C-alpha atoms as a PDB file:
ATOM      1  CA  MET A   1       8.921 -12.943   2.000  1.00  0.00           C
ATOM      2  CA  ASN A   2      10.544  -9.747   3.221  1.00  0.00           C
ATOM      3  CA  TYR A   3      11.567  -9.224   6.812  1.00  0.00           C
ATOM      4  CA  SER A   4      13.024  -6.058   8.340  1.00  0.00           C
ATOM      5  CA  VAL A   5      15.133  -5.809  11.480  1.00  0.00           C
ATOM      6  CA  GLY A   6      16.083  -2.279  12.502  1.00  0.00           C
ATOM      7  CA  THR A   7      17.571  -0.659   9.418  1.00  0.00           C
ATOM      8  CA  SER A   8      18.429  -3.847   7.524  1.00  0.00           C
ATOM      9  CA  GLN A   9      16.116  -5.730   5.196  1.00  0.00           C
ATOM     10  CA  LYS A  10      16.480  -9.177   3.691  1.00  0.00           C
ATOM     11  CA  SER A  11      14.360 -11.099   1.257  1.00  0.00           C
ATOM     12  CA  PHE A  12      13.660 -14.825   1.702  1.00  0.00           C
ATOM     13  CA  MET A  13      12.556 -16.954  -1.233  1.00  0.00           C
ATOM     14  CA  PRO A  14      11.952 -20.686  -1.483  1.00  0.00           C
ATOM     15  CA  VAL A  15      14.284 -22.040  -4.136  1.00  0.00           C
ATOM     16  CA  LEU A  16      12.389 -25.105  -5.338  1.00  0.00           C
ATOM     17  CA  SER A  17       9.528 -27.247  -4.124  1.00  0.00           C
ATOM     18  CA  ILE A  18       8.567 -30.660  -5.458  1.00  0.00           C
ATOM     19  CA  PRO A  19       4.966 -31.868  -4.862  1.00  0.00           C
ATOM     20  CA  TYR A  20       3.980 -34.751  -2.565  1.00  0.00           C
ATOM     21  CA  GLY A  21       6.017 -33.648   0.452  1.00  0.00           C
ATOM     22  CA  ASN A  22       9.515 -33.800  -1.026  1.00  0.00           C
ATOM     23  CA  SER A  23      11.551 -30.621  -1.406  1.00  0.00           C
ATOM     24  CA  VAL A  24      15.061 -29.786  -2.439  1.00  0.00           C
ATOM     25  CA  CYS A  25      17.242 -29.164   0.614  1.00  0.00           C
ATOM     26  CA  ALA A  26      20.897 -28.341   1.120  1.00  0.00           C
ATOM     27  CA  VAL A  27      22.862 -31.342   2.372  1.00  0.00           C
ATOM     28  CA  ASP A  28      26.112 -29.491   3.122  1.00  0.00           C
ATOM     29  CA  GLU A  29      27.089 -29.110   6.785  1.00  0.00           C
ATOM     30  CA  PRO A  30      25.106 -26.138   8.190  1.00  0.00           C
ATOM     31  CA  SER A  31      26.886 -23.261   9.935  1.00  0.00           C
ATOM     32  CA  ASN A  32      24.371 -23.259  12.775  1.00  0.00           C
ATOM     33  CA  ILE A  33      21.250 -25.166  13.875  1.00  0.00           C
ATOM     34  CA  VAL A  34      18.368 -23.507  15.732  1.00  0.00           C
ATOM     35  CA  ASP A  35      15.704 -25.563  17.544  1.00  0.00           C
ATOM     36  CA  LEU A  36      12.397 -23.734  17.033  1.00  0.00           C
ATOM     37  CA  THR A  37      10.789 -25.412  20.055  1.00  0.00           C
ATOM     38  CA  GLY A  38      12.895 -23.107  22.248  1.00  0.00           C
ATOM     39  CA  VAL A  39      12.229 -19.932  20.231  1.00  0.00           C
ATOM     40  CA  GLY A  40       9.288 -17.683  21.091  1.00  0.00           C
ATOM     41  CA  GLY A  41       7.287 -17.675  17.876  1.00  0.00           C
ATOM     42  CA  GLY A  42       4.618 -15.049  18.361  1.00  0.00           C
ATOM     43  CA  GLY A  43       2.287 -17.106  16.190  1.00  0.00           C
ATOM     44  CA  PHE A  44       4.461 -16.943  13.061  1.00  0.00           C
ATOM     45  CA  PRO A  45       4.817 -20.062  10.872  1.00  0.00           C
ATOM     46  CA  ASP A  46       8.063 -22.009  11.218  1.00  0.00           C
ATOM     47  CA  VAL A  47       9.343 -20.851   7.814  1.00  0.00           C
ATOM     48  CA  ALA A  48       9.013 -17.224   8.962  1.00  0.00           C
ATOM     49  CA  GLN A  49      10.778 -18.139  12.223  1.00  0.00           C
ATOM     50  CA  CYS A  50      13.698 -19.611  10.246  1.00  0.00           C
ATOM     51  CA  ALA A  51      13.837 -16.453   8.136  1.00  0.00           C
ATOM     52  CA  MET A  52      13.961 -14.346  11.304  1.00  0.00           C
ATOM     53  CA  GLN A  53      16.719 -16.547  12.767  1.00  0.00           C
ATOM     54  CA  CYS A  54      18.595 -16.076   9.506  1.00  0.00           C
ATOM     55  CA  THR A  55      18.676 -12.311  10.133  1.00  0.00           C
ATOM     56  CA  VAL A  56      20.130 -12.926  13.599  1.00  0.00           C
ATOM     57  CA  TYR A  57      22.940 -15.175  12.289  1.00  0.00           C
ATOM     58  CA  ASP A  58      23.394 -13.259   8.987  1.00  0.00           C
ATOM     59  CA  CYS A  59      23.028 -16.363   6.856  1.00  0.00           C
ATOM     60  CA  SER A  60      22.689 -16.787   3.090  1.00  0.00           C
ATOM     61  CA  GLY A  61      20.078 -19.567   3.264  1.00  0.00           C
ATOM     62  CA  PHE A  62      18.372 -22.094   5.504  1.00  0.00           C
ATOM     63  CA  ASN A  63      16.748 -25.512   5.631  1.00  0.00           C
ATOM     64  CA  LEU A  64      13.536 -25.863   7.588  1.00  0.00           C
ATOM     65  CA  LYS A  65      13.190 -29.400   8.944  1.00  0.00           C
ATOM     66  CA  GLU A  66       9.434 -29.259   9.525  1.00  0.00           C
ATOM     67  CA  LYS A  67       8.890 -32.436  11.575  1.00  0.00           C
ATOM     68  CA  LYS A  68      11.874 -31.781  13.861  1.00  0.00           C
ATOM     69  CA  ARG A  69      11.147 -27.990  13.971  1.00  0.00           C
ATOM     70  CA  LYS A  70      14.797 -27.174  13.325  1.00  0.00           C
ATOM     71  CA  CYS A  71      16.414 -24.509  11.150  1.00  0.00           C
ATOM     72  CA  GLU A  72      19.742 -25.339   9.555  1.00  0.00           C
ATOM     73  CA  LEU A  73      21.410 -22.007   8.797  1.00  0.00           C
ATOM     74  CA  TYR A  74      24.081 -21.515   6.111  1.00  0.00           C
ATOM     75  CA  SER A  75      26.516 -18.592   6.229  1.00  0.00           C
ATOM     76  CA  HIS A  76      27.852 -19.829   2.866  1.00  0.00           C
ATOM     77  CA  ASN A  77      26.063 -20.799  -0.337  1.00  0.00           C
ATOM     78  CA  PRO A  78      25.498 -24.573  -0.183  1.00  0.00           C
ATOM     79  CA  THR A  79      26.700 -26.553  -3.195  1.00  0.00           C
ATOM     80  CA  ARG A  80      25.009 -29.919  -2.608  1.00  0.00           C
ATOM     81  CA  PHE A  81      21.228 -30.411  -2.649  1.00  0.00           C
ATOM     82  CA  ALA A  82      18.932 -33.460  -2.508  1.00  0.00           C
ATOM     83  CA  LEU A  83      15.246 -34.346  -2.266  1.00  0.00           C
ATOM     84  CA  VAL A  84      14.454 -34.574   1.446  1.00  0.00           C
ATOM     85  CA  ASP A  85      11.069 -35.437   2.907  1.00  0.00           C
ATOM     86  CA  GLY A  86       9.732 -32.767   5.279  1.00  0.00           C
ATOM     87  CA  CYS A  87      12.445 -30.220   4.470  1.00  0.00           C
ATOM     88  CA  ALA A  88      12.355 -26.890   2.645  1.00  0.00           C
ATOM     89  CA  TYR A  89      15.267 -24.656   1.604  1.00  0.00           C
ATOM     90  CA  GLY A  90      15.021 -20.876   1.548  1.00  0.00           C
ATOM     91  CA  GLN A  91      17.659 -18.673  -0.067  1.00  0.00           C
ATOM     92  CA  VAL A  92      18.357 -15.203   1.278  1.00  0.00           C
ATOM     93  CA  SER A  93      18.989 -12.113  -0.802  1.00  0.00           C
ATOM     94  CA  ARG A  94      19.805  -8.635   0.468  1.00  0.00           C
ATOM     95  CA  THR A  95      17.889  -7.041  -2.412  1.00  0.00           C
ATOM     96  CA  ALA A  96      14.232  -7.794  -2.977  1.00  0.00           C
ATOM     97  CA  SER A  97      12.781  -7.408  -6.453  1.00  0.00           C
ATOM     98  CA  ILE A  98       9.200  -8.284  -5.476  1.00  0.00           C
ATOM     99  CA  PRO A  99       8.060  -7.459  -1.945  1.00  0.00           C
ATOM    100  CA  VAL A 100       5.643  -9.976  -0.453  1.00  0.00           C
ATOM    101  CA  THR A 101       3.502  -9.396   2.606  1.00  0.00           C
ATOM    102  CA  LEU A 102       2.847 -12.368   4.883  1.00  0.00           C
ATOM    103  CA  TYR A 103      -0.450 -12.347   6.744  1.00  0.00           C
ATOM    104  CA  VAL A 104      -0.771 -14.705   9.708  1.00  0.00           C
ATOM    105  CA  ARG A 105      -4.122 -15.526  11.296  1.00  0.00           C
END
């Protein structure tokens, strides 16, 4: 997914998903945690909200804890990952090779 803020653009890509609800997530200590229940969402899905928060905090990746509606933001590249139920990791790149448009109903 691509997201633009002002003159900067970042690309957000899920790194790996495993079926049946388990996904690979970073287990390093996050640089920042954002509670999505307190963020005005404008109808965007939580993963898009985490991506937007990542532009605010200039992070390199994020975990989305879906059940808790929390974004764990990483200003560094995490080195430890594990299968975590209800969690998804997205890696951030400043250059996008394939632009993707997200349509929200």
